[in-house]
Amino acid sequence: MKILVADDHKSIVDGIILDLKEILPDATVIGACKSKEIVELCNGTRFDVIFMDIDIPSSNGISLAKTVLDKFPRTNIIYITGYEKYALESYETNASTFLIKPITKKAIEKALDNLRFPVSDITDEMVTAEYSGEGYIGKRIQYYRELRGMTRNEFAELLNVTLPTVHRWETGARMPDLATIMKIANILGVKLDEFIENEPSS
């Protein structure tokens, strides 16, 4: 999870970051106090959650949030402010919630538990890993090769590739192209559709 804490008071930013690191130790948390820096971060980076101060000098948190949501519509905006008068206006941006300063750790936890767009712990990198290399084709190569009682060296010779290439395929470091996958399936005596199933059959 990637989180931005944007407030012109450094003590508030530091306090929220400290709480977030205890609540979400694996999250990437960035703090910004200067208006220019906040605007640049919001415009150039996709955050899962933004703790956004509403009353930002030479800027406006609500207007900035609208800009963010135009570009990244599934961003969770959690407004932070010392003025309840902004509450109604803030909800026009479909904010996840609205926190009044001083902000407690308990309030932060509750806000994160009720995000408008829940953030999964599954990252794009994890999905990619699951459906390539070791997580997908690599496991099938190893499974069917071993099922046929074939060593890596024998398999490499039949494919006319090097032993390190086979090792990289099976460990997920590399992914064979489609033509090679078809040849692999043929050498291993497996139908292509069976070879690429989610679970290899015996």
N, C-alpha and C. Protein backbone atom coordinates (compact mmCIF):
# COMPACT_ATOMS: atom_id res chain seq x y z
N MET A 1 0.84 -1.19 0.00
CA MET A 1 0.00 0.00 0.00
C MET A 1 0.88 1.24 0.00
N LYS A 2 0.54 2.21 -0.83
CA LYS A 2 1.30 3.46 -0.90
C LYS A 2 0.43 4.59 -0.37
N ILE A 3 0.97 5.32 0.60
CA ILE A 3 0.19 6.35 1.29
C ILE A 3 0.94 7.68 1.27
N LEU A 4 0.19 8.75 1.04
CA LEU A 4 0.73 10.10 1.12
C LEU A 4 0.06 10.84 2.28
N VAL A 5 0.87 11.48 3.10
CA VAL A 5 0.35 12.33 4.17
C VAL A 5 0.70 13.77 3.80
N ALA A 6 -0.32 14.57 3.49
CA ALA A 6 -0.09 15.94 3.01
C ALA A 6 -0.70 16.96 3.97
N ASP A 7 0.16 17.70 4.63
CA ASP A 7 -0.28 18.74 5.58
C ASP A 7 0.84 19.76 5.70
N ASP A 8 0.48 21.03 5.84
CA ASP A 8 1.53 22.05 5.90
C ASP A 8 2.21 22.12 7.26
N HIS A 9 1.72 21.35 8.23
CA HIS A 9 2.37 21.30 9.54
C HIS A 9 3.19 20.01 9.65
N LYS A 10 4.51 20.15 9.72
CA LYS A 10 5.39 18.99 9.74
C LYS A 10 5.12 18.08 10.94
N SER A 11 4.78 18.67 12.08
CA SER A 11 4.53 17.86 13.28
C SER A 11 3.34 16.93 13.08
N ILE A 12 2.33 17.41 12.34
CA ILE A 12 1.16 16.58 12.07
C ILE A 12 1.52 15.46 11.11
N VAL A 13 2.28 15.80 10.06
CA VAL A 13 2.73 14.80 9.10
C VAL A 13 3.55 13.73 9.80
N ASP A 14 4.50 14.15 10.61
CA ASP A 14 5.37 13.19 11.31
C ASP A 14 4.57 12.30 12.25
N GLY A 15 3.58 12.88 12.93
CA GLY A 15 2.77 12.11 13.87
C GLY A 15 1.94 11.05 13.17
N ILE A 16 1.34 11.41 12.04
CA ILE A 16 0.51 10.46 11.30
C ILE A 16 1.39 9.35 10.70
N ILE A 17 2.55 9.75 10.18
CA ILE A 17 3.47 8.75 9.62
C ILE A 17 3.90 7.75 10.69
N LEU A 18 4.20 8.24 11.88
CA LEU A 18 4.60 7.37 12.98
C LEU A 18 3.51 6.36 13.29
N ASP A 19 2.27 6.83 13.35
CA ASP A 19 1.14 5.93 13.62
C ASP A 19 0.94 4.93 12.48
N LEU A 20 1.07 5.41 11.25
CA LEU A 20 0.88 4.53 10.10
C LEU A 20 1.93 3.42 10.04
N LYS A 21 3.14 3.74 10.43
CA LYS A 21 4.19 2.72 10.41
C LYS A 21 3.95 1.63 11.45
N GLU A 22 3.25 1.99 12.52
CA GLU A 22 2.88 0.99 13.52
C GLU A 22 1.68 0.18 13.05
N ILE A 23 0.73 0.84 12.39
CA ILE A 23 -0.48 0.18 11.92
C ILE A 23 -0.22 -0.68 10.70
N LEU A 24 0.56 -0.13 9.75
CA LEU A 24 0.86 -0.80 8.48
C LEU A 24 2.36 -0.81 8.23
N PRO A 25 3.08 -1.68 8.93
CA PRO A 25 4.55 -1.67 8.82
C PRO A 25 5.09 -1.94 7.42
N ASP A 26 4.30 -2.58 6.56
CA ASP A 26 4.78 -2.89 5.21
C ASP A 26 4.39 -1.83 4.18
N ALA A 27 3.64 -0.82 4.60
CA ALA A 27 3.20 0.21 3.67
C ALA A 27 4.34 1.18 3.35
N THR A 28 4.26 1.77 2.16
CA THR A 28 5.18 2.85 1.79
C THR A 28 4.48 4.16 2.10
N VAL A 29 5.05 4.92 3.03
CA VAL A 29 4.41 6.15 3.48
C VAL A 29 5.31 7.35 3.16
N ILE A 30 4.75 8.32 2.47
CA ILE A 30 5.48 9.53 2.09
C ILE A 30 4.80 10.74 2.71
N GLY A 31 5.58 11.65 3.26
CA GLY A 31 5.02 12.86 3.84
C GLY A 31 5.44 14.09 3.05
N ALA A 32 4.55 15.07 2.99
CA ALA A 32 4.86 16.32 2.28
C ALA A 32 4.21 17.49 3.01
N CYS A 33 4.97 18.59 3.16
CA CYS A 33 4.47 19.76 3.88
C CYS A 33 4.32 21.00 3.00
N LYS A 34 5.13 21.10 1.98
CA LYS A 34 5.11 22.28 1.11
C LYS A 34 4.10 22.10 -0.01
N SER A 35 3.37 23.17 -0.29
CA SER A 35 2.30 23.11 -1.29
C SER A 35 2.79 22.57 -2.63
N LYS A 36 3.92 23.08 -3.11
CA LYS A 36 4.45 22.67 -4.41
C LYS A 36 4.74 21.17 -4.43
N GLU A 37 5.35 20.69 -3.36
CA GLU A 37 5.70 19.27 -3.27
C GLU A 37 4.44 18.41 -3.23
N ILE A 38 3.44 18.85 -2.48
CA ILE A 38 2.19 18.11 -2.39
C ILE A 38 1.53 18.00 -3.76
N VAL A 39 1.47 19.12 -4.47
CA VAL A 39 0.86 19.15 -5.80
C VAL A 39 1.62 18.23 -6.76
N GLU A 40 2.94 18.28 -6.74
CA GLU A 40 3.75 17.46 -7.64
C GLU A 40 3.56 15.97 -7.36
N LEU A 41 3.53 15.61 -6.08
CA LEU A 41 3.34 14.21 -5.71
C LEU A 41 1.96 13.71 -6.13
N CYS A 42 0.95 14.53 -5.89
CA CYS A 42 -0.42 14.14 -6.24
C CYS A 42 -0.61 14.00 -7.74
N ASN A 43 0.07 14.84 -8.50
CA ASN A 43 -0.09 14.81 -9.95
C ASN A 43 0.74 13.71 -10.61
N GLY A 44 1.82 13.30 -9.96
CA GLY A 44 2.72 12.37 -10.62
C GLY A 44 2.77 10.96 -10.08
N THR A 45 2.12 10.70 -8.95
CA THR A 45 2.22 9.38 -8.32
C THR A 45 0.84 8.85 -7.97
N ARG A 46 0.63 7.56 -8.20
CA ARG A 46 -0.64 6.96 -7.79
C ARG A 46 -0.51 6.44 -6.37
N PHE A 47 -1.28 7.02 -5.47
CA PHE A 47 -1.32 6.57 -4.08
C PHE A 47 -2.62 5.80 -3.83
N ASP A 48 -2.54 4.80 -2.97
CA ASP A 48 -3.76 4.08 -2.57
C ASP A 48 -4.59 4.93 -1.62
N VAL A 49 -3.88 5.64 -0.75
CA VAL A 49 -4.55 6.48 0.26
C VAL A 49 -3.81 7.81 0.37
N ILE A 50 -4.57 8.89 0.45
CA ILE A 50 -3.97 10.20 0.70
C ILE A 50 -4.66 10.84 1.89
N PHE A 51 -3.88 11.12 2.93
CA PHE A 51 -4.36 11.92 4.05
C PHE A 51 -4.15 13.37 3.62
N MET A 52 -5.23 14.06 3.33
CA MET A 52 -5.15 15.37 2.70
C MET A 52 -5.64 16.49 3.62
N ASP A 53 -4.74 17.40 3.95
CA ASP A 53 -5.15 18.60 4.69
C ASP A 53 -6.00 19.45 3.75
N ILE A 54 -7.09 20.00 4.26
CA ILE A 54 -7.97 20.81 3.41
C ILE A 54 -7.44 22.23 3.26
N ASP A 55 -6.97 22.80 4.34
CA ASP A 55 -6.53 24.19 4.33
C ASP A 55 -5.03 24.28 4.09
N ILE A 56 -4.62 24.10 2.83
CA ILE A 56 -3.20 24.15 2.46
C ILE A 56 -2.87 25.53 1.92
N PRO A 57 -1.85 26.20 2.46
CA PRO A 57 -1.47 27.53 1.97
C PRO A 57 -1.21 27.53 0.46
N SER A 58 -1.74 28.54 -0.22
CA SER A 58 -1.61 28.73 -1.67
C SER A 58 -2.16 27.54 -2.47
N SER A 59 -2.99 26.75 -1.83
CA SER A 59 -3.64 25.64 -2.52
C SER A 59 -4.92 25.30 -1.77
N ASN A 60 -5.62 24.27 -2.20
CA ASN A 60 -6.83 23.85 -1.53
C ASN A 60 -6.93 22.33 -1.62
N GLY A 61 -7.02 21.69 -0.45
CA GLY A 61 -7.01 20.24 -0.42
C GLY A 61 -8.15 19.60 -1.18
N ILE A 62 -9.33 20.20 -1.12
CA ILE A 62 -10.48 19.62 -1.81
C ILE A 62 -10.32 19.72 -3.33
N SER A 63 -9.88 20.88 -3.80
CA SER A 63 -9.63 21.05 -5.24
C SER A 63 -8.54 20.11 -5.72
N LEU A 64 -7.51 19.96 -4.90
CA LEU A 64 -6.40 19.08 -5.25
C LEU A 64 -6.88 17.63 -5.30
N ALA A 65 -7.74 17.26 -4.35
CA ALA A 65 -8.29 15.90 -4.33
C ALA A 65 -9.11 15.61 -5.58
N LYS A 66 -9.87 16.61 -6.02
CA LYS A 66 -10.66 16.44 -7.25
C LYS A 66 -9.74 16.18 -8.45
N THR A 67 -8.62 16.89 -8.48
CA THR A 67 -7.65 16.70 -9.56
C THR A 67 -7.08 15.28 -9.52
N VAL A 68 -6.74 14.84 -8.30
CA VAL A 68 -6.20 13.49 -8.13
C VAL A 68 -7.21 12.45 -8.59
N LEU A 69 -8.46 12.61 -8.17
CA LEU A 69 -9.49 11.63 -8.50
C LEU A 69 -9.84 11.60 -9.98
N ASP A 70 -9.64 12.71 -10.66
CA ASP A 70 -9.83 12.72 -12.11
C ASP A 70 -8.81 11.82 -12.79
N LYS A 71 -7.61 11.79 -12.24
CA LYS A 71 -6.53 11.01 -12.83
C LYS A 71 -6.47 9.59 -12.26
N PHE A 72 -6.69 9.48 -10.94
CA PHE A 72 -6.65 8.18 -10.27
C PHE A 72 -7.94 8.01 -9.46
N PRO A 73 -9.03 7.62 -10.10
CA PRO A 73 -10.35 7.62 -9.45
C PRO A 73 -10.52 6.68 -8.25
N ARG A 74 -9.64 5.69 -8.11
CA ARG A 74 -9.78 4.77 -6.97
C ARG A 74 -8.86 5.14 -5.81
N THR A 75 -8.42 6.37 -5.78
CA THR A 75 -7.62 6.85 -4.65
C THR A 75 -8.54 7.10 -3.46
N ASN A 76 -8.14 6.62 -2.30
CA ASN A 76 -8.90 6.87 -1.07
C ASN A 76 -8.44 8.20 -0.47
N ILE A 77 -9.32 9.17 -0.43
CA ILE A 77 -8.99 10.46 0.16
C ILE A 77 -9.51 10.50 1.59
N ILE A 78 -8.61 10.74 2.52
CA ILE A 78 -8.99 10.92 3.93
C ILE A 78 -8.62 12.36 4.28
N TYR A 79 -9.62 13.20 4.41
CA TYR A 79 -9.36 14.60 4.72
C TYR A 79 -8.99 14.78 6.18
N ILE A 80 -8.03 15.66 6.41
CA ILE A 80 -7.66 16.02 7.79
C ILE A 80 -7.72 17.54 7.91
N THR A 81 -8.39 18.01 8.92
CA THR A 81 -8.56 19.46 9.09
C THR A 81 -8.94 19.79 10.52
N GLY A 82 -8.77 21.04 10.85
CA GLY A 82 -9.17 21.51 12.17
C GLY A 82 -10.53 22.19 12.14
N TYR A 83 -11.18 22.19 10.97
CA TYR A 83 -12.43 22.92 10.81
C TYR A 83 -13.55 22.02 10.30
N GLU A 84 -14.55 21.80 11.13
CA GLU A 84 -15.67 20.94 10.75
C GLU A 84 -16.50 21.53 9.62
N LYS A 85 -16.40 22.84 9.40
CA LYS A 85 -17.20 23.50 8.37
C LYS A 85 -16.92 22.96 6.97
N TYR A 86 -15.75 22.30 6.80
CA TYR A 86 -15.39 21.77 5.49
C TYR A 86 -16.00 20.39 5.22
N ALA A 87 -16.60 19.80 6.23
CA ALA A 87 -17.05 18.41 6.10
C ALA A 87 -17.99 18.18 4.92
N LEU A 88 -19.02 18.99 4.80
CA LEU A 88 -20.00 18.79 3.73
C LEU A 88 -19.35 18.94 2.36
N GLU A 89 -18.53 19.96 2.19
CA GLU A 89 -17.87 20.19 0.91
C GLU A 89 -16.94 19.04 0.57
N SER A 90 -16.26 18.50 1.58
CA SER A 90 -15.29 17.44 1.33
C SER A 90 -15.96 16.17 0.79
N TYR A 91 -17.17 15.89 1.22
CA TYR A 91 -17.83 14.67 0.79
C TYR A 91 -18.31 14.73 -0.66
N GLU A 92 -18.23 15.92 -1.26
CA GLU A 92 -18.56 16.03 -2.68
C GLU A 92 -17.54 15.29 -3.54
N THR A 93 -16.37 15.02 -2.97
CA THR A 93 -15.34 14.28 -3.69
C THR A 93 -15.37 12.79 -3.34
N ASN A 94 -16.46 12.35 -2.70
CA ASN A 94 -16.59 10.94 -2.31
C ASN A 94 -15.41 10.47 -1.46
N ALA A 95 -15.10 11.28 -0.47
CA ALA A 95 -13.98 10.96 0.41
C ALA A 95 -14.27 9.69 1.22
N SER A 96 -13.20 9.00 1.62
CA SER A 96 -13.37 7.83 2.47
C SER A 96 -13.85 8.25 3.85
N THR A 97 -13.27 9.32 4.36
CA THR A 97 -13.71 9.83 5.65
C THR A 97 -13.13 11.22 5.88
N PHE A 98 -13.45 11.79 7.03
CA PHE A 98 -13.08 13.17 7.36
C PHE A 98 -12.62 13.17 8.82
N LEU A 99 -11.36 13.50 9.06
CA LEU A 99 -10.81 13.46 10.41
C LEU A 99 -10.53 14.87 10.93
N ILE A 100 -10.98 15.12 12.15
CA ILE A 100 -10.76 16.42 12.77
C ILE A 100 -9.51 16.37 13.63
N LYS A 101 -8.63 17.36 13.47
CA LYS A 101 -7.43 17.45 14.29
C LYS A 101 -7.81 17.82 15.73
N PRO A 102 -7.05 17.34 16.70
CA PRO A 102 -5.89 16.43 16.61
C PRO A 102 -6.32 15.01 16.27
N ILE A 103 -5.53 14.35 15.48
CA ILE A 103 -5.89 13.03 14.96
C ILE A 103 -5.21 11.93 15.78
N THR A 104 -6.01 11.00 16.24
CA THR A 104 -5.49 9.91 17.07
C THR A 104 -5.18 8.67 16.22
N LYS A 105 -4.39 7.81 16.80
CA LYS A 105 -4.06 6.55 16.12
C LYS A 105 -5.32 5.71 15.92
N LYS A 106 -6.20 5.74 16.89
CA LYS A 106 -7.45 4.98 16.80
C LYS A 106 -8.29 5.48 15.63
N ALA A 107 -8.32 6.80 15.44
CA ALA A 107 -9.10 7.38 14.34
C ALA A 107 -8.50 6.97 12.99
N ILE A 108 -7.17 6.92 12.92
CA ILE A 108 -6.50 6.50 11.69
C ILE A 108 -6.83 5.05 11.38
N GLU A 109 -6.76 4.20 12.38
CA GLU A 109 -7.08 2.77 12.20
C GLU A 109 -8.50 2.59 11.69
N LYS A 110 -9.43 3.32 12.29
CA LYS A 110 -10.83 3.22 11.88
C LYS A 110 -11.01 3.69 10.44
N ALA A 111 -10.31 4.77 10.07
CA ALA A 111 -10.40 5.29 8.71
C ALA A 111 -9.87 4.26 7.70
N LEU A 112 -8.77 3.61 8.04
CA LEU A 112 -8.18 2.62 7.14
C LEU A 112 -9.03 1.36 7.03
N ASP A 113 -9.80 1.08 8.07
CA ASP A 113 -10.69 -0.08 8.05
C ASP A 113 -11.95 0.17 7.22
N ASN A 114 -12.19 1.42 6.88
CA ASN A 114 -13.42 1.77 6.16
C ASN A 114 -13.13 2.56 4.90
N LEU A 115 -12.12 2.13 4.16
CA LEU A 115 -11.76 2.82 2.93
C LEU A 115 -12.86 2.66 1.88
N ARG A 116 -13.09 3.70 1.14
CA ARG A 116 -14.10 3.66 0.07
C ARG A 116 -13.71 2.63 -0.99
N PHE A 117 -12.43 2.57 -1.29
CA PHE A 117 -11.91 1.59 -2.24
C PHE A 117 -10.89 0.73 -1.50
N PRO A 118 -11.34 -0.41 -0.95
CA PRO A 118 -10.41 -1.26 -0.18
C PRO A 118 -9.16 -1.59 -0.97
N VAL A 119 -8.03 -1.58 -0.28
CA VAL A 119 -6.75 -1.84 -0.93
C VAL A 119 -6.34 -3.27 -0.63
N SER A 120 -6.11 -4.04 -1.68
CA SER A 120 -5.70 -5.42 -1.52
C SER A 120 -4.22 -5.50 -1.20
N ASP A 121 -3.85 -6.54 -0.45
CA ASP A 121 -2.44 -6.79 -0.17
C ASP A 121 -1.76 -7.43 -1.38
N ILE A 122 -2.57 -7.82 -2.37
CA ILE A 122 -2.02 -8.45 -3.57
C ILE A 122 -1.57 -7.37 -4.53
N THR A 123 -0.30 -7.34 -4.82
CA THR A 123 0.26 -6.31 -5.70
C THR A 123 0.28 -6.79 -7.15
N ASP A 124 0.49 -5.86 -8.06
CA ASP A 124 0.62 -6.21 -9.47
C ASP A 124 1.79 -7.16 -9.68
N GLU A 125 2.86 -6.94 -8.91
CA GLU A 125 4.04 -7.79 -9.04
C GLU A 125 3.73 -9.23 -8.63
N MET A 126 2.89 -9.38 -7.58
CA MET A 126 2.52 -10.71 -7.12
C MET A 126 1.68 -11.44 -8.16
N VAL A 127 0.77 -10.70 -8.81
CA VAL A 127 -0.07 -11.30 -9.85
C VAL A 127 0.80 -11.75 -11.01
N THR A 128 1.74 -10.89 -11.41
CA THR A 128 2.64 -11.23 -12.51
C THR A 128 3.45 -12.48 -12.18
N ALA A 129 3.95 -12.54 -10.95
CA ALA A 129 4.76 -13.69 -10.54
C ALA A 129 3.95 -14.98 -10.53
N GLU A 130 2.68 -14.87 -10.15
CA GLU A 130 1.83 -16.06 -10.07
C GLU A 130 1.56 -16.64 -11.45
N TYR A 131 1.47 -15.77 -12.46
CA TYR A 131 1.09 -16.25 -13.78
C TYR A 131 2.24 -16.24 -14.78
N SER A 132 3.45 -16.34 -14.27
CA SER A 132 4.61 -16.49 -15.14
C SER A 132 5.70 -17.23 -14.39
N GLY A 133 6.70 -17.68 -15.14
CA GLY A 133 7.86 -18.29 -14.51
C GLY A 133 7.53 -19.34 -13.48
N GLU A 134 8.10 -19.18 -12.31
CA GLU A 134 7.98 -20.17 -11.25
C GLU A 134 6.53 -20.41 -10.86
N GLY A 135 5.73 -19.34 -10.85
CA GLY A 135 4.36 -19.47 -10.39
C GLY A 135 3.44 -20.12 -11.40
N TYR A 136 3.87 -20.30 -12.62
CA TYR A 136 2.96 -20.84 -13.64
C TYR A 136 3.68 -21.84 -14.54
N ILE A 137 4.25 -21.36 -15.63
CA ILE A 137 4.87 -22.26 -16.59
C ILE A 137 6.05 -23.01 -15.98
N GLY A 138 6.85 -22.30 -15.18
CA GLY A 138 8.02 -22.94 -14.58
C GLY A 138 7.67 -24.17 -13.77
N LYS A 139 6.63 -24.08 -12.97
CA LYS A 139 6.21 -25.22 -12.15
C LYS A 139 5.75 -26.38 -13.02
N ARG A 140 5.09 -26.06 -14.14
CA ARG A 140 4.60 -27.11 -15.01
C ARG A 140 5.73 -27.82 -15.75
N ILE A 141 6.73 -27.03 -16.14
CA ILE A 141 7.89 -27.65 -16.78
C ILE A 141 8.54 -28.65 -15.83
N GLN A 142 8.79 -28.21 -14.62
CA GLN A 142 9.43 -29.09 -13.65
C GLN A 142 8.57 -30.30 -13.32
N TYR A 143 7.25 -30.05 -13.16
CA TYR A 143 6.34 -31.14 -12.79
C TYR A 143 6.35 -32.25 -13.85
N TYR A 144 6.13 -31.88 -15.12
CA TYR A 144 6.04 -32.89 -16.18
C TYR A 144 7.40 -33.49 -16.52
N ARG A 145 8.46 -32.71 -16.37
CA ARG A 145 9.80 -33.25 -16.62
C ARG A 145 10.11 -34.34 -15.60
N GLU A 146 9.85 -34.06 -14.34
CA GLU A 146 10.11 -35.04 -13.29
C GLU A 146 9.17 -36.23 -13.41
N LEU A 147 7.91 -35.98 -13.84
CA LEU A 147 6.95 -37.06 -14.02
C LEU A 147 7.42 -38.04 -15.09
N ARG A 148 8.11 -37.51 -16.09
CA ARG A 148 8.65 -38.36 -17.16
C ARG A 148 10.01 -38.96 -16.79
N GLY A 149 10.49 -38.66 -15.58
CA GLY A 149 11.78 -39.18 -15.14
C GLY A 149 12.94 -38.61 -15.92
N MET A 150 12.80 -37.38 -16.34
CA MET A 150 13.80 -36.73 -17.19
C MET A 150 14.63 -35.74 -16.38
N THR A 151 15.94 -35.79 -16.51
CA THR A 151 16.79 -34.83 -15.81
C THR A 151 16.76 -33.49 -16.55
N ARG A 152 17.20 -32.46 -15.88
CA ARG A 152 17.27 -31.15 -16.54
C ARG A 152 18.22 -31.20 -17.74
N ASN A 153 19.31 -31.93 -17.58
CA ASN A 153 20.30 -32.01 -18.65
C ASN A 153 19.71 -32.70 -19.89
N GLU A 154 18.98 -33.81 -19.65
CA GLU A 154 18.36 -34.54 -20.76
C GLU A 154 17.32 -33.65 -21.45
N PHE A 155 16.55 -32.94 -20.64
CA PHE A 155 15.51 -32.06 -21.16
C PHE A 155 16.13 -30.94 -21.99
N ALA A 156 17.24 -30.38 -21.50
CA ALA A 156 17.93 -29.30 -22.21
C ALA A 156 18.45 -29.78 -23.56
N GLU A 157 18.99 -31.00 -23.60
CA GLU A 157 19.53 -31.55 -24.85
C GLU A 157 18.42 -31.76 -25.87
N LEU A 158 17.26 -32.26 -25.42
CA LEU A 158 16.14 -32.49 -26.34
C LEU A 158 15.62 -31.18 -26.92
N LEU A 159 15.71 -30.12 -26.14
CA LEU A 159 15.23 -28.81 -26.58
C LEU A 159 16.31 -28.01 -27.31
N ASN A 160 17.55 -28.53 -27.21
CA ASN A 160 18.70 -27.82 -27.79
C ASN A 160 18.89 -26.44 -27.15
N VAL A 161 18.78 -26.43 -25.81
CA VAL A 161 19.04 -25.21 -25.04
C VAL A 161 20.05 -25.56 -23.96
N THR A 162 20.56 -24.55 -23.28
CA THR A 162 21.55 -24.79 -22.24
C THR A 162 20.87 -25.17 -20.92
N LEU A 163 21.63 -25.85 -20.07
CA LEU A 163 21.12 -26.23 -18.75
C LEU A 163 20.70 -25.00 -17.92
N PRO A 164 21.51 -23.91 -17.94
CA PRO A 164 21.09 -22.71 -17.20
C PRO A 164 19.75 -22.14 -17.68
N THR A 165 19.46 -22.30 -18.98
CA THR A 165 18.18 -21.81 -19.51
C THR A 165 17.02 -22.56 -18.88
N VAL A 166 17.14 -23.88 -18.79
CA VAL A 166 16.10 -24.69 -18.15
C VAL A 166 15.96 -24.30 -16.68
N HIS A 167 17.09 -24.12 -16.04
CA HIS A 167 17.07 -23.73 -14.63
C HIS A 167 16.33 -22.40 -14.45
N ARG A 168 16.60 -21.44 -15.32
CA ARG A 168 15.94 -20.14 -15.22
C ARG A 168 14.43 -20.26 -15.46
N TRP A 169 14.04 -21.11 -16.39
CA TRP A 169 12.60 -21.31 -16.62
C TRP A 169 11.93 -21.87 -15.37
N GLU A 170 12.53 -22.90 -14.81
CA GLU A 170 11.89 -23.59 -13.69
C GLU A 170 11.91 -22.79 -12.40
N THR A 171 12.85 -21.91 -12.28
CA THR A 171 12.90 -21.08 -11.07
C THR A 171 12.17 -19.76 -11.23
N GLY A 172 11.66 -19.51 -12.45
CA GLY A 172 10.89 -18.29 -12.66
C GLY A 172 11.70 -17.08 -13.05
N ALA A 173 13.00 -17.24 -13.25
CA ALA A 173 13.82 -16.10 -13.63
C ALA A 173 13.56 -15.67 -15.07
N ARG A 174 13.15 -16.63 -15.90
CA ARG A 174 12.82 -16.34 -17.30
C ARG A 174 11.55 -17.08 -17.70
N MET A 175 10.96 -16.64 -18.80
CA MET A 175 9.73 -17.24 -19.31
C MET A 175 9.94 -17.62 -20.77
N PRO A 176 9.74 -18.90 -21.14
CA PRO A 176 9.90 -19.28 -22.56
C PRO A 176 8.81 -18.65 -23.41
N ASP A 177 9.13 -18.38 -24.68
CA ASP A 177 8.11 -17.81 -25.56
C ASP A 177 7.10 -18.89 -25.96
N LEU A 178 6.03 -18.47 -26.63
CA LEU A 178 4.94 -19.39 -26.95
C LEU A 178 5.40 -20.55 -27.83
N ALA A 179 6.23 -20.27 -28.83
CA ALA A 179 6.71 -21.33 -29.72
C ALA A 179 7.49 -22.37 -28.93
N THR A 180 8.30 -21.90 -27.99
CA THR A 180 9.09 -22.82 -27.16
C THR A 180 8.20 -23.61 -26.22
N ILE A 181 7.17 -22.96 -25.68
CA ILE A 181 6.23 -23.66 -24.80
C ILE A 181 5.55 -24.80 -25.55
N MET A 182 5.18 -24.57 -26.81
CA MET A 182 4.55 -25.61 -27.62
C MET A 182 5.51 -26.78 -27.83
N LYS A 183 6.78 -26.45 -28.06
CA LYS A 183 7.80 -27.49 -28.25
C LYS A 183 8.02 -28.27 -26.96
N ILE A 184 8.02 -27.54 -25.83
CA ILE A 184 8.21 -28.18 -24.51
C ILE A 184 7.08 -29.17 -24.25
N ALA A 185 5.84 -28.72 -24.51
CA ALA A 185 4.68 -29.59 -24.28
C ALA A 185 4.78 -30.86 -25.13
N ASN A 186 5.23 -30.71 -26.37
CA ASN A 186 5.38 -31.85 -27.27
C ASN A 186 6.43 -32.82 -26.77
N ILE A 187 7.58 -32.29 -26.32
CA ILE A 187 8.65 -33.15 -25.81
C ILE A 187 8.23 -33.89 -24.55
N LEU A 188 7.44 -33.20 -23.72
CA LEU A 188 6.99 -33.81 -22.46
C LEU A 188 5.75 -34.68 -22.65
N GLY A 189 5.22 -34.73 -23.89
CA GLY A 189 4.08 -35.58 -24.18
C GLY A 189 2.81 -35.11 -23.52
N VAL A 190 2.61 -33.81 -23.49
CA VAL A 190 1.43 -33.23 -22.84
C VAL A 190 0.71 -32.34 -23.83
N LYS A 191 -0.63 -32.43 -23.86
CA LYS A 191 -1.39 -31.53 -24.71
C LYS A 191 -1.20 -30.11 -24.21
N LEU A 192 -1.15 -29.15 -25.12
CA LEU A 192 -0.86 -27.77 -24.77
C LEU A 192 -1.86 -27.22 -23.76
N ASP A 193 -3.16 -27.48 -23.98
CA ASP A 193 -4.16 -26.95 -23.06
C ASP A 193 -4.01 -27.54 -21.66
N GLU A 194 -3.61 -28.81 -21.59
CA GLU A 194 -3.38 -29.43 -20.29
C GLU A 194 -2.13 -28.85 -19.63
N PHE A 195 -1.12 -28.58 -20.47
CA PHE A 195 0.14 -28.06 -19.94
C PHE A 195 -0.02 -26.70 -19.27
N ILE A 196 -0.93 -25.88 -19.79
CA ILE A 196 -1.08 -24.54 -19.23
C ILE A 196 -2.28 -24.39 -18.29
N GLU A 197 -2.86 -25.52 -17.87
CA GLU A 197 -3.94 -25.47 -16.89
C GLU A 197 -3.41 -24.92 -15.57
N ASN A 198 -4.34 -24.47 -14.70
CA ASN A 198 -3.94 -23.96 -13.38
C ASN A 198 -3.32 -25.04 -12.53
N GLU A 199 -3.80 -26.27 -12.65
CA GLU A 199 -3.21 -27.37 -11.87
C GLU A 199 -2.83 -28.48 -12.84
N PRO A 200 -1.56 -28.88 -12.88
CA PRO A 200 -1.15 -29.97 -13.78
C PRO A 200 -1.75 -31.29 -13.34
N SER A 201 -2.16 -32.11 -14.31
CA SER A 201 -2.70 -33.43 -13.98
C SER A 201 -1.60 -34.46 -14.15
N SER A 202 -1.75 -35.59 -13.49
CA SER A 202 -0.72 -36.64 -13.56
C SER A 202 -0.96 -37.55 -14.73
